C-alpha atoms as a PDB file:
ATOM      1  CA  MET A   1      60.100  81.256  77.942  1.00  0.00           C
ATOM      2  CA  PRO A   2      63.031  78.886  77.307  1.00  0.00           C
ATOM      3  CA  LYS A   3      64.217  76.854  80.293  1.00  0.00           C
ATOM      4  CA  ALA A   4      67.792  78.233  80.082  1.00  0.00           C
ATOM      5  CA  ILE A   5      66.527  81.820  80.420  1.00  0.00           C
ATOM      6  CA  LYS A   6      64.345  80.846  83.397  1.00  0.00           C
ATOM      7  CA  ILE A   7      67.330  79.236  85.154  1.00  0.00           C
ATOM      8  CA  THR A   8      69.472  82.328  84.442  1.00  0.00           C
ATOM      9  CA  LEU A   9      66.858  84.691  85.832  1.00  0.00           C
ATOM     10  CA  TRP A  10      66.410  82.453  88.855  1.00  0.00           C
ATOM     11  CA  VAL A  11      70.179  82.485  89.552  1.00  0.00           C
ATOM     12  CA  ILE A  12      70.324  86.264  89.132  1.00  0.00           C
ATOM     13  CA  GLY A  13      67.409  86.637  91.556  1.00  0.00           C
ATOM     14  CA  ILE A  14      69.154  84.455  94.141  1.00  0.00           C
ATOM     15  CA  ILE A  15      72.375  86.515  93.805  1.00  0.00           C
ATOM     16  CA  ILE A  16      70.468  89.801  94.225  1.00  0.00           C
ATOM     17  CA  PHE A  17      68.680  88.373  97.270  1.00  0.00           C
ATOM     18  CA  LEU A  18      71.992  87.265  98.844  1.00  0.00           C
ATOM     19  CA  ILE A  19      73.608  90.646  98.210  1.00  0.00           C
ATOM     20  CA  PHE A  20      70.601  92.462  99.656  1.00  0.00           C
ATOM     21  CA  SER A  21      70.538  90.157 102.711  1.00  0.00           C
ATOM     22  CA  ALA A  22      74.282  90.610 103.263  1.00  0.00           C
ATOM     23  CA  ALA A  23      73.879  94.395 103.052  1.00  0.00           C
ATOM     24  CA  LEU A  24      71.074  94.332 105.625  1.00  0.00           C
ATOM     25  CA  TRP A  25      73.149  92.102 107.898  1.00  0.00           C
ATOM     26  CA  LEU A  26      76.202  94.382 107.604  1.00  0.00           C
ATOM     27  CA  ASN A  27      74.081  97.445 108.367  1.00  0.00           C
ATOM     28  CA  SER A  28      72.477  95.864 111.445  1.00  0.00           C
ATOM     29  CA  GLN A  29      74.087  96.436 114.853  1.00  0.00           C
ATOM     30  CA  TRP A  30      73.797  92.721 115.586  1.00  0.00           C
ATOM     31  CA  GLY A  31      75.826  91.784 112.533  1.00  0.00           C
ATOM     32  CA  GLN A  32      78.384  94.523 113.158  1.00  0.00           C
ATOM     33  CA  ASN A  33      78.899  93.347 116.756  1.00  0.00           C
ATOM     34  CA  ILE A  34      79.602  89.835 115.504  1.00  0.00           C
ATOM     35  CA  ILE A  35      82.202  91.156 113.039  1.00  0.00           C
ATOM     36  CA  LYS A  36      83.773  93.366 115.723  1.00  0.00           C
ATOM     37  CA  ASP A  37      84.043  90.556 118.294  1.00  0.00           C
ATOM     38  CA  LYS A  38      85.550  88.145 115.771  1.00  0.00           C
ATOM     39  CA  ALA A  39      88.026  90.805 114.642  1.00  0.00           C
ATOM     40  CA  VAL A  40      89.138  91.473 118.242  1.00  0.00           C
ATOM     41  CA  ILE A  41      89.626  87.735 118.908  1.00  0.00           C
ATOM     42  CA  TYR A  42      91.507  87.248 115.636  1.00  0.00           C
ATOM     43  CA  LEU A  43      93.834  90.231 116.183  1.00  0.00           C
ATOM     44  CA  GLY A  44      94.475  89.283 119.812  1.00  0.00           C
ATOM     45  CA  ASN A  45      95.464  85.735 118.845  1.00  0.00           C
ATOM     46  CA  LYS A  46      97.485  86.906 115.855  1.00  0.00           C
ATOM     47  CA  LEU A  47      99.388  89.689 117.607  1.00  0.00           C
ATOM     48  CA  LYS A  48      99.679  87.963 121.025  1.00  0.00           C
ATOM     49  CA  THR A  49      98.804  91.195 122.813  1.00  0.00           C
ATOM     50  CA  GLU A  50      95.800  93.145 124.074  1.00  0.00           C
ATOM     51  CA  VAL A  51      93.475  94.554 121.420  1.00  0.00           C
ATOM     52  CA  ARG A  52      90.163  96.282 122.116  1.00  0.00           C
ATOM     53  CA  ILE A  53      87.511  97.754 119.802  1.00  0.00           C
ATOM     54  CA  GLY A  54      84.522  99.350 121.480  1.00  0.00           C
ATOM     55  CA  TYR A  55      82.330  99.952 118.442  1.00  0.00           C
ATOM     56  CA  LEU A  56      82.246  99.023 114.767  1.00  0.00           C
ATOM     57  CA  GLY A  57      79.709 100.569 112.400  1.00  0.00           C
ATOM     58  CA  VAL A  58      79.419  99.784 108.714  1.00  0.00           C
ATOM     59  CA  GLY A  59      76.999 101.676 106.496  1.00  0.00           C
ATOM     60  CA  PHE A  60      77.355  99.597 103.343  1.00  0.00           C
ATOM     61  CA  PRO A  61      78.347 100.761 100.788  1.00  0.00           C
ATOM     62  CA  LYS A  62      79.167 104.219 102.167  1.00  0.00           C
ATOM     63  CA  TYR A  63      81.083 104.459 105.448  1.00  0.00           C
ATOM     64  CA  ILE A  64      83.005 102.656 108.191  1.00  0.00           C
ATOM     65  CA  VAL A  65      83.155 103.883 111.805  1.00  0.00           C
ATOM     66  CA  ILE A  66      85.468 102.498 114.496  1.00  0.00           C
ATOM     67  CA  ARG A  67      85.482 103.814 118.082  1.00  0.00           C
ATOM     68  CA  ASP A  68      87.360 103.184 121.340  1.00  0.00           C
ATOM     69  CA  VAL A  69      90.391 101.297 119.998  1.00  0.00           C
ATOM     70  CA  LEU A  70      93.299 100.103 122.130  1.00  0.00           C
ATOM     71  CA  ILE A  71      96.413  98.263 120.922  1.00  0.00           C
ATOM     72  CA  LYS A  72      99.316  97.402 123.220  1.00  0.00           C
ATOM     73  CA  ASP A  73     102.818  96.353 122.261  1.00  0.00           C
ATOM     74  CA  GLN A  74     104.550  93.190 123.401  1.00  0.00           C
ATOM     75  CA  VAL A  75     105.787  94.691 126.676  1.00  0.00           C
ATOM     76  CA  LYS A  76     102.216  95.782 127.522  1.00  0.00           C
ATOM     77  CA  ASP A  77     102.856  99.471 126.844  1.00  0.00           C
ATOM     78  CA  THR A  78     100.167 101.359 124.957  1.00  0.00           C
ATOM     79  CA  LEU A  79     101.011 101.544 121.272  1.00  0.00           C
ATOM     80  CA  LEU A  80      97.820 103.243 120.098  1.00  0.00           C
ATOM     81  CA  THR A  81      94.492 104.475 121.404  1.00  0.00           C
ATOM     82  CA  LEU A  82      91.802 105.959 119.206  1.00  0.00           C
ATOM     83  CA  ASN A  83      88.542 107.656 120.062  1.00  0.00           C
ATOM     84  CA  GLU A  84      86.992 107.530 116.593  1.00  0.00           C
ATOM     85  CA  LEU A  85      87.913 106.789 113.005  1.00  0.00           C
ATOM     86  CA  LYS A  86      85.335 107.454 110.300  1.00  0.00           C
ATOM     87  CA  ILE A  87      86.000 106.707 106.645  1.00  0.00           C
ATOM     88  CA  ASP A  88      83.470 107.835 104.073  1.00  0.00           C
ATOM     89  CA  LEU A  89      84.251 106.055 100.824  1.00  0.00           C
ATOM     90  CA  ASN A  90      82.725 104.545  97.744  1.00  0.00           C
ATOM     91  CA  MET A  91      83.110 100.819  98.396  1.00  0.00           C
ATOM     92  CA  LEU A  92      81.639  99.858  95.033  1.00  0.00           C
ATOM     93  CA  ALA A  93      84.428 101.771  93.278  1.00  0.00           C
ATOM     94  CA  LEU A  94      86.893  99.172  94.590  1.00  0.00           C
ATOM     95  CA  ILE A  95      85.546  96.817  91.935  1.00  0.00           C
ATOM     96  CA  HIS A  96      87.162  99.104  89.347  1.00  0.00           C
ATOM     97  CA  LYS A  97      90.364  99.381  91.434  1.00  0.00           C
ATOM     98  CA  ASN A  98      89.534 102.915  92.487  1.00  0.00           C
ATOM     99  CA  LEU A  99      89.942 103.765  96.182  1.00  0.00           C
ATOM    100  CA  ASP A 100      87.702 106.832  96.346  1.00  0.00           C
ATOM    101  CA  VAL A 101      87.884 108.237  99.881  1.00  0.00           C
ATOM    102  CA  GLN A 102      85.471 111.130 100.199  1.00  0.00           C
ATOM    103  CA  GLN A 103      86.295 111.935 103.835  1.00  0.00           C
ATOM    104  CA  VAL A 104      88.521 110.697 106.674  1.00  0.00           C
ATOM    105  CA  ILE A 105      87.898 111.861 110.246  1.00  0.00           C
ATOM    106  CA  ILE A 106      90.262 110.925 113.088  1.00  0.00           C
ATOM    107  CA  THR A 107      89.621 112.156 116.635  1.00  0.00           C
ATOM    108  CA  GLY A 108      91.375 111.414 119.913  1.00  0.00           C
ATOM    109  CA  LEU A 109      94.430 109.602 118.567  1.00  0.00           C
ATOM    110  CA  HIS A 110      97.268 108.829 120.985  1.00  0.00           C
ATOM    111  CA  GLY A 111     100.279 106.929 119.685  1.00  0.00           C
ATOM    112  CA  HIS A 112     103.738 106.094 121.000  1.00  0.00           C
ATOM    113  CA  ILE A 113     106.395 104.609 118.721  1.00  0.00           C
ATOM    114  CA  TYR A 114     109.786 103.904 120.237  1.00  0.00           C
ATOM    115  CA  ARG A 115     113.017 101.970 119.749  1.00  0.00           C
ATOM    116  CA  ASN A 116     115.287 101.536 122.758  1.00  0.00           C
ATOM    117  CA  MET A 117     119.028 101.015 122.636  1.00  0.00           C
ATOM    118  CA  PRO A 118     120.390  98.700 121.242  1.00  0.00           C
ATOM    119  CA  ASP A 119     117.221  97.486 119.473  1.00  0.00           C
ATOM    120  CA  THR A 120     116.993  97.719 115.689  1.00  0.00           C
ATOM    121  CA  ASP A 121     113.223  97.132 115.581  1.00  0.00           C
ATOM    122  CA  PHE A 122     110.481  99.504 116.696  1.00  0.00           C
ATOM    123  CA  ASN A 123     107.753  98.497 119.130  1.00  0.00           C
ATOM    124  CA  PHE A 124     105.282  98.020 116.252  1.00  0.00           C
ATOM    125  CA  ALA A 125     107.506  95.552 114.365  1.00  0.00           C
ATOM    126  CA  TYR A 126     105.618  92.599 115.846  1.00  0.00           C
ATOM    127  CA  ILE A 127     102.536  93.624 113.845  1.00  0.00           C
ATOM    128  CA  ILE A 128     104.452  93.483 110.557  1.00  0.00           C
ATOM    129  CA  ASN A 129     106.075  90.178 111.502  1.00  0.00           C
ATOM    130  CA  ALA A 130     102.725  88.656 112.493  1.00  0.00           C
ATOM    131  CA  PHE A 131     101.176  89.267 109.078  1.00  0.00           C
ATOM    132  CA  ALA A 132     104.313  88.803 106.990  1.00  0.00           C
ATOM    133  CA  GLY A 133     104.532  85.064 107.660  1.00  0.00           C
ATOM    134  CA  ASN A 134     107.604  82.873 107.876  1.00  0.00           C
ATOM    135  CA  SER A 135     107.849  81.800 104.223  1.00  0.00           C
ATOM    136  CA  PRO A 136     110.975  83.200 102.547  1.00  0.00           C
ATOM    137  CA  VAL A 137     110.407  85.325  99.482  1.00  0.00           C
ATOM    138  CA  ASP A 138     112.155  84.207  96.297  1.00  0.00           C
ATOM    139  CA  THR A 139     113.412  87.414  94.723  1.00  0.00           C
ATOM    140  CA  SER A 140     115.317  85.636  91.936  1.00  0.00           C
ATOM    141  CA  LYS A 141     112.148  85.030  89.910  1.00  0.00           C
ATOM    142  CA  LYS A 142     110.618  88.115  88.366  1.00  0.00           C
ATOM    143  CA  THR A 143     107.255  87.784  86.724  1.00  0.00           C
ATOM    144  CA  ALA A 144     105.828  90.434  84.466  1.00  0.00           C
ATOM    145  CA  THR A 145     102.461  91.780  85.403  1.00  0.00           C
ATOM    146  CA  THR A 146      99.943  93.817  83.484  1.00  0.00           C
ATOM    147  CA  ALA A 147      97.579  94.378  86.390  1.00  0.00           C
ATOM    148  CA  THR A 148      96.002  97.804  86.581  1.00  0.00           C
ATOM    149  CA  PRO A 149      97.346  99.751  89.580  1.00  0.00           C
ATOM    150  CA  LEU A 150      94.988 100.888  92.300  1.00  0.00           C
ATOM    151  CA  LYS A 151      93.920 104.495  91.814  1.00  0.00           C
ATOM    152  CA  PHE A 152      93.797 106.454  95.054  1.00  0.00           C
ATOM    153  CA  GLU A 153      91.671 109.558  95.565  1.00  0.00           C
ATOM    154  CA  VAL A 154      90.949 111.497  98.740  1.00  0.00           C
ATOM    155  CA  GLU A 155      88.769 114.587  99.061  1.00  0.00           C
ATOM    156  CA  LYS A 156      88.669 115.669 102.726  1.00  0.00           C
ATOM    157  CA  VAL A 157      90.685 114.894 105.867  1.00  0.00           C
ATOM    158  CA  ARG A 158      89.950 116.135 109.391  1.00  0.00           C
ATOM    159  CA  LEU A 159      92.099 115.504 112.460  1.00  0.00           C
ATOM    160  CA  GLU A 160      91.088 116.456 116.001  1.00  0.00           C
ATOM    161  CA  ASN A 161      92.960 116.012 119.284  1.00  0.00           C
ATOM    162  CA  ILE A 162      96.064 114.176 118.026  1.00  0.00           C
ATOM    163  CA  HIS A 163      98.954 113.287 120.352  1.00  0.00           C
ATOM    164  CA  LEU A 164     101.980 111.400 119.014  1.00  0.00           C
ATOM    165  CA  LYS A 165     105.398 110.496 120.423  1.00  0.00           C
ATOM    166  CA  TYR A 166     108.335 109.091 118.470  1.00  0.00           C
ATOM    167  CA  ASP A 167     111.351 108.043 120.543  1.00  0.00           C
ATOM    168  CA  ASP A 168     114.130 106.487 118.470  1.00  0.00           C
ATOM    169  CA  TYR A 169     117.047 106.236 120.881  1.00  0.00           C
ATOM    170  CA  THR A 170     118.952 103.991 118.470  1.00  0.00           C
ATOM    171  CA  GLY A 171     118.602 106.414 115.580  1.00  0.00           C
ATOM    172  CA  GLY A 172     119.045 109.498 117.747  1.00  0.00           C
ATOM    173  CA  ILE A 173     115.693 111.145 116.983  1.00  0.00           C
ATOM    174  CA  ARG A 174     112.885 112.003 119.401  1.00  0.00           C
ATOM    175  CA  LEU A 175     109.731 113.807 118.361  1.00  0.00           C
ATOM    176  CA  GLY A 176     106.553 114.773 120.146  1.00  0.00           C
ATOM    177  CA  LEU A 177     103.545 116.617 118.787  1.00  0.00           C
ATOM    178  CA  ASP A 178     100.101 117.727 119.895  1.00  0.00           C
ATOM    179  CA  LEU A 179      97.496 118.873 117.389  1.00  0.00           C
ATOM    180  CA  GLU A 180      94.131 120.429 118.129  1.00  0.00           C
ATOM    181  CA  HIS A 181      92.688 120.698 114.630  1.00  0.00           C
ATOM    182  CA  LEU A 182      93.638 120.057 111.019  1.00  0.00           C
ATOM    183  CA  SER A 183      91.254 120.140 108.081  1.00  0.00           C
ATOM    184  CA  LEU A 184      92.381 119.377 104.549  1.00  0.00           C
ATOM    185  CA  LYS A 185      90.467 119.588 101.284  1.00  0.00           C
ATOM    186  CA  MET A 186      92.137 118.148  98.216  1.00  0.00           C
ATOM    187  CA  LYS A 187      91.637 119.296  94.643  1.00  0.00           C
ATOM    188  CA  ASN A 188      93.839 116.746  92.876  1.00  0.00           C
ATOM    189  CA  LEU A 189      96.024 113.870  94.024  1.00  0.00           C
ATOM    190  CA  ASP A 190      98.011 112.021  91.376  1.00  0.00           C
ATOM    191  CA  LEU A 191     100.467 109.658  93.075  1.00  0.00           C
ATOM    192  CA  ASP A 192     101.756 108.302  89.752  1.00  0.00           C
ATOM    193  CA  LYS A 193     102.928 111.757  88.658  1.00  0.00           C
ATOM    194  CA  MET A 194     103.516 112.934  92.271  1.00  0.00           C
ATOM    195  CA  ILE A 195     101.232 115.946  91.818  1.00  0.00           C
ATOM    196  CA  ILE A 196      99.541 117.201  95.006  1.00  0.00           C
ATOM    197  CA  HIS A 197      97.039 120.030  94.645  1.00  0.00           C
ATOM    198  CA  VAL A 198      95.521 121.163  97.935  1.00  0.00           C
ATOM    199  CA  GLN A 199      92.489 123.417  97.866  1.00  0.00           C
ATOM    200  CA  ASP A 200      92.324 124.340 101.583  1.00  0.00           C
ATOM    201  CA  ILE A 201      94.396 123.626 104.696  1.00  0.00           C
ATOM    202  CA  LYS A 202      93.425 124.910 108.138  1.00  0.00           C
ATOM    203  CA  LEU A 203      95.716 124.096 111.059  1.00  0.00           C
ATOM    204  CA  SER A 204      95.294 125.333 114.616  1.00  0.00           C
ATOM    205  CA  GLY A 205      96.889 124.484 117.951  1.00  0.00           C
ATOM    206  CA  PHE A 206     100.065 122.651 116.931  1.00  0.00           C
ATOM    207  CA  VAL A 207     102.828 122.091 119.522  1.00  0.00           C
ATOM    208  CA  SER A 208     105.916 120.038 118.679  1.00  0.00           C
ATOM    209  CA  GLU A 209     109.454 119.411 119.898  1.00  0.00           C
ATOM    210  CA  PHE A 210     112.162 117.718 117.813  1.00  0.00           C
ATOM    211  CA  ASN A 211     115.375 116.421 119.389  1.00  0.00           C
ATOM    212  CA  GLN A 212     118.323 115.124 117.399  1.00  0.00           C
ATOM    213  CA  ASP A 213     121.242 113.254 118.968  1.00  0.00           C
ATOM    214  CA  SER A 214     123.871 110.644 118.088  1.00  0.00           C
ATOM    215  CA  SER A 215     122.724 107.823 115.804  1.00  0.00           C
ATOM    216  CA  PHE A 216     124.027 104.298 116.286  1.00  0.00           C
ATOM    217  CA  LEU A 217     122.775 103.091 112.914  1.00  0.00           C
ATOM    218  CA  PRO A 218     124.952 102.613 109.809  1.00  0.00           C
ATOM    219  CA  THR A 219     124.892 105.528 107.393  1.00  0.00           C
ATOM    220  CA  LYS A 220     122.588 104.967 104.446  1.00  0.00           C
ATOM    221  CA  PRO A 221     123.944 105.766 100.975  1.00  0.00           C
ATOM    222  CA  PRO A 222     122.348 108.826  99.387  1.00  0.00           C
ATOM    223  CA  LYS A 223     119.544 108.164  96.931  1.00  0.00           C
ATOM    224  CA  PRO A 224     120.425 109.037  93.338  1.00  0.00           C
ATOM    225  CA  GLY A 225     118.495 111.804  91.623  1.00  0.00           C
ATOM    226  CA  LYS A 226     115.558 113.811  92.871  1.00  0.00           C
ATOM    227  CA  THR A 227     111.946 112.922  93.424  1.00  0.00           C
ATOM    228  CA  ASP A 228     109.690 114.835  91.056  1.00  0.00           C
ATOM    229  CA  VAL A 229     107.156 116.191  93.551  1.00  0.00           C
ATOM    230  CA  GLN A 230     104.913 119.123  92.695  1.00  0.00           C
ATOM    231  CA  ILE A 231     102.738 120.733  95.370  1.00  0.00           C
ATOM    232  CA  VAL A 232     100.100 123.420  94.881  1.00  0.00           C
ATOM    233  CA  ALA A 233      98.102 124.934  97.759  1.00  0.00           C
ATOM    234  CA  ASP A 234      95.319 127.388  97.002  1.00  0.00           C
ATOM    235  CA  ASN A 235      94.667 128.438 100.614  1.00  0.00           C
ATOM    236  CA  VAL A 236      96.730 127.619 103.707  1.00  0.00           C
ATOM    237  CA  SER A 237      95.698 128.999 107.100  1.00  0.00           C
ATOM    238  CA  ILE A 238      97.846 128.242 110.174  1.00  0.00           C
ATOM    239  CA  GLU A 239      97.534 129.653 113.688  1.00  0.00           C
ATOM    240  CA  LYS A 240      98.817 128.938 117.203  1.00  0.00           C
ATOM    241  CA  VAL A 241     101.941 126.930 116.388  1.00  0.00           C
ATOM    242  CA  ALA A 242     104.815 126.303 118.806  1.00  0.00           C
ATOM    243  CA  PHE A 243     107.869 124.377 117.610  1.00  0.00           C
ATOM    244  CA  LYS A 244     111.227 123.686 119.233  1.00  0.00           C
ATOM    245  CA  TYR A 245     114.239 122.028 117.596  1.00  0.00           C
ATOM    246  CA  ASN A 246     117.214 120.804 119.626  1.00  0.00           C
ATOM    247  CA  ASP A 247     120.329 119.612 117.792  1.00  0.00           C
ATOM    248  CA  HIS A 248     122.467 118.124 120.563  1.00  0.00           C
ATOM    249  CA  LEU A 249     125.234 117.183 118.114  1.00  0.00           C
ATOM    250  CA  ASN A 250     125.890 120.785 117.041  1.00  0.00           C
ATOM    251  CA  ASN A 251     124.474 122.432 120.177  1.00  0.00           C
ATOM    252  CA  LEU A 252     121.864 124.292 118.161  1.00  0.00           C
ATOM    253  CA  THR A 253     118.380 125.332 119.311  1.00  0.00           C
ATOM    254  CA  VAL A 254     115.554 126.857 117.258  1.00  0.00           C
ATOM    255  CA  VAL A 255     112.321 128.046 118.901  1.00  0.00           C
ATOM    256  CA  LEU A 256     109.301 129.207 116.893  1.00  0.00           C
ATOM    257  CA  ASN A 257     106.055 130.647 118.214  1.00  0.00           C
ATOM    258  CA  LEU A 258     103.786 131.367 115.270  1.00  0.00           C
ATOM    259  CA  GLY A 259     100.699 133.536 115.601  1.00  0.00           C
ATOM    260  CA  THR A 260      99.090 133.306 112.171  1.00  0.00           C
ATOM    261  CA  LEU A 261     100.249 132.391 108.684  1.00  0.00           C
ATOM    262  CA  GLN A 262      98.334 132.731 105.413  1.00  0.00           C
ATOM    263  CA  LEU A 263      99.780 131.185 102.259  1.00  0.00           C
ATOM    264  CA  LYS A 264      98.783 130.813  98.621  1.00  0.00           C
ATOM    265  CA  LEU A 265     101.318 128.523  96.948  1.00  0.00           C
ATOM    266  CA  LYS A 266     101.276 128.379  93.167  1.00  0.00           C
ATOM    267  CA  LYS A 267     104.000 125.738  92.957  1.00  0.00           C
ATOM    268  CA  PHE A 268     106.583 123.876  94.954  1.00  0.00           C
ATOM    269  CA  GLY A 269     108.717 121.784  92.581  1.00  0.00           C
ATOM    270  CA  LEU A 270     111.301 119.536  94.184  1.00  0.00           C
ATOM    271  CA  ALA A 271     112.806 118.324  90.908  1.00  0.00           C
ATOM    272  CA  ASP A 272     113.395 121.774  89.384  1.00  0.00           C
ATOM    273  CA  ASN A 273     113.997 123.632  92.700  1.00  0.00           C
ATOM    274  CA  VAL A 274     111.160 126.121  92.162  1.00  0.00           C
ATOM    275  CA  VAL A 275     109.051 127.861  94.804  1.00  0.00           C
ATOM    276  CA  ASP A 276     106.360 130.167  93.455  1.00  0.00           C
ATOM    277  CA  VAL A 277     104.393 131.974  96.175  1.00  0.00           C
ATOM    278  CA  LYS A 278     101.363 134.017  95.250  1.00  0.00           C
ATOM    279  CA  LYS A 279     100.786 135.387  98.764  1.00  0.00           C
ATOM    280  CA  LEU A 280     102.454 135.025 102.166  1.00  0.00           C
ATOM    281  CA  SER A 281     101.381 136.756 105.371  1.00  0.00           C
ATOM    282  CA  VAL A 282     102.967 136.136 108.799  1.00  0.00           C
ATOM    283  CA  ASN A 283     101.736 137.921 111.936  1.00  0.00           C
ATOM    284  CA  ASN A 284     102.589 137.947 115.655  1.00  0.00           C
ATOM    285  CA  THR A 285     105.486 135.506 115.420  1.00  0.00           C
ATOM    286  CA  ASP A 286     108.648 135.031 117.494  1.00  0.00           C
ATOM    287  CA  LEU A 287     111.707 133.146 116.206  1.00  0.00           C
ATOM    288  CA  ALA A 288     114.857 132.507 118.258  1.00  0.00           C
ATOM    289  CA  LEU A 289     118.093 130.828 117.154  1.00  0.00           C
ATOM    290  CA  VAL A 290     120.763 129.863 119.708  1.00  0.00           C
ATOM    291  CA  MET A 291     124.159 128.481 118.650  1.00  0.00           C
ATOM    292  CA  GLY A 292     125.621 127.048 121.835  1.00  0.00           C
ATOM    293  CA  LYS A 293     129.279 126.825 122.742  1.00  0.00           C
ATOM    294  CA  HIS A 294     131.378 124.129 121.082  1.00  0.00           C
ATOM    295  CA  SER A 295     134.128 122.279 122.858  1.00  0.00           C
ATOM    296  CA  ASN A 296     136.369 122.624 119.804  1.00  0.00           C
ATOM    297  CA  ALA A 297     136.883 125.869 117.920  1.00  0.00           C
ATOM    298  CA  VAL A 298     135.152 126.048 114.559  1.00  0.00           C
ATOM    299  CA  ASN A 299     137.449 126.381 111.552  1.00  0.00           C
ATOM    300  CA  LEU A 300     136.021 129.565 110.092  1.00  0.00           C
ATOM    301  CA  LYS A 301     138.274 129.533 107.033  1.00  0.00           C
ATOM    302  CA  ASP A 302     137.003 126.145 105.861  1.00  0.00           C
ATOM    303  CA  THR A 303     133.448 127.248 106.526  1.00  0.00           C
ATOM    304  CA  VAL A 304     133.850 130.374 104.412  1.00  0.00           C
ATOM    305  CA  ILE A 305     135.551 128.782 101.375  1.00  0.00           C
ATOM    306  CA  ASN A 306     133.296 125.731 101.310  1.00  0.00           C
ATOM    307  CA  ILE A 307     131.276 125.960  98.085  1.00  0.00           C
ATOM    308  CA  ASN A 308     127.957 124.198  97.724  1.00  0.00           C
ATOM    309  CA  SER A 309     127.880 122.632  94.265  1.00  0.00           C
ATOM    310  CA  SER A 310     124.181 121.739  94.402  1.00  0.00           C
ATOM    311  CA  ASP A 311     121.631 123.648  92.345  1.00  0.00           C
ATOM    312  CA  GLY A 312     120.124 126.683  94.019  1.00  0.00           C
ATOM    313  CA  TRP A 313     116.429 127.422  94.456  1.00  0.00           C
ATOM    314  CA  ASN A 314     114.430 129.773  92.274  1.00  0.00           C
ATOM    315  CA  VAL A 315     111.985 131.575  94.594  1.00  0.00           C
ATOM    316  CA  ASN A 316     109.266 133.864  93.277  1.00  0.00           C
ATOM    317  CA  ALA A 317     106.922 135.807  95.561  1.00  0.00           C
ATOM    318  CA  GLY A 318     104.010 138.007  94.593  1.00  0.00           C
ATOM    319  CA  GLU A 319     102.686 139.523  97.834  1.00  0.00           C
ATOM    320  CA  VAL A 320     104.588 139.196 101.138  1.00  0.00           C
ATOM    321  CA  GLN A 321     103.605 140.742 104.475  1.00  0.00           C
ATOM    322  CA  PHE A 322     105.255 140.453 107.897  1.00  0.00           C
ATOM    323  CA  LYS A 323     103.663 142.101 110.925  1.00  0.00           C
ATOM    324  CA  GLY A 324     104.675 141.777 114.560  1.00  0.00           C
ATOM    325  CA  VAL A 325     107.560 139.413 113.765  1.00  0.00           C
ATOM    326  CA  ASN A 326     110.464 139.219 116.234  1.00  0.00           C
ATOM    327  CA  PHE A 327     113.776 137.467 115.505  1.00  0.00           C
ATOM    328  CA  LYS A 328     116.646 136.799 117.897  1.00  0.00           C
ATOM    329  CA  MET A 329     119.968 135.031 117.315  1.00  0.00           C
ATOM    330  CA  ASP A 330     122.602 134.260 119.959  1.00  0.00           C
ATOM    331  CA  ASN A 331     126.009 132.914 118.937  1.00  0.00           C
ATOM    332  CA  GLU A 332     127.640 131.862 122.194  1.00  0.00           C
ATOM    333  CA  ASN A 333     130.924 131.077 120.359  1.00  0.00           C
ATOM    334  CA  ALA A 334     131.466 134.769 119.551  1.00  0.00           C
ATOM    335  CA  THR A 335     132.526 137.494 121.959  1.00  0.00           C
ATOM    336  CA  ARG A 336     129.708 139.851 122.893  1.00  0.00           C
ATOM    337  CA  VAL A 337     130.207 143.412 121.739  1.00  0.00           C
ATOM    338  CA  SER A 338     129.785 146.325 124.132  1.00  0.00           C
ATOM    339  CA  LYS A 339     127.755 148.402 121.676  1.00  0.00           C
ATOM    340  CA  GLY A 340     126.213 148.265 118.225  1.00  0.00           C
ATOM    341  CA  ILE A 341     124.630 145.154 116.742  1.00  0.00           C
ATOM    342  CA  ASP A 342     125.527 141.973 118.637  1.00  0.00           C
END
C-alpha cells in the first residue's frame, strides 16, 4: 500500500476516533455538567446578573434538555424561570444549513417583560447589549453575498404551564396570559414564501387580559404594502378560554368566555384578504361588549359618512354551527329604552 494512502487512512481514523470520543464525552453526565457550569459562569460574567441552570442534557446528535433555569434582570427582578426545555432536532442537518426541529417541549415557563416610564428600553435590553458589542456597524458598505439561507423546519411544539406578563407603561400596553396546554403539529412551514400549514392545534386553559392606554412613544409610519402570509389549519381545537380587553383610551371593554371551538381553515390570505373556512363550531360561549361613557359627545354624523377606502375581506364558510352562545352589548352613551330591544 502506498505511503500516502496509509497516512490518509491514519488521519481519517484519528478524526473518527476524536469525533466518537467527543460524542461519548457530550453524552456523559460528567461532560455535560462541565459544559453547564462553564455556561453559567460565562453568562453570569457577561450579563452581570444572576443566572442559574440546574441541569443540562445533550443526547448527541439528537436532543438537548435544559431544566431549572433562572435569569434575573439588572434590578434583580426575575426575568425568566423555566422548568424544562427539550429540543429534539437533527444536529447533523445543520451541516447542510437545515435546522430540522422535530419537537420542542416547554414546561413551567414564567416570564416578565416590562418597560417603566420614561424608559425606552425593556428589562431584557441588557442581554442584547451584552452580546452586540461596542463596535459601530458601518452600514455604508454593502457586500453582495451568495450564501445559502438557513432552512427552518419544525414538526411538533408542546407548551405546558406557561405564565407571561408584558408591562409596557411607556408604550401603553399591558398583557398577561396563563396557558395550561398547547400542542401544535405542523405540516409545512415555508418562511421564504410565508406559507404556514398547520395539521393540528389543541389549546386548553387559556386566560388572558389585554390593557391599552396612552402611549408616550413617537408614532411609527405605516409600512407600505401588505405581507403575503398564507395560513392553512386542518384541525383546530380550543377549549376553556377567557379573554378580557380593556381600551382605556376609548373606554371600551370586551369580555370573552369560550367553551369550545372547532375550526377547519382552508385558507387565510393576508395579501388578497381571503378567509376560506371549511368548518366552524362554537359552543357554550359568552361574549360581552361595553362601550363606556365618553366625556365628549361623539360626532355621529362624521362616524356615519366616514368611508373606509381599504379593500374588504372575502369570507367563505362551508359549515358553521353556534350552540349555547350568548352575546351582550351595552352602550352607556345612549339612553336606555323602556321597552323593546335596548
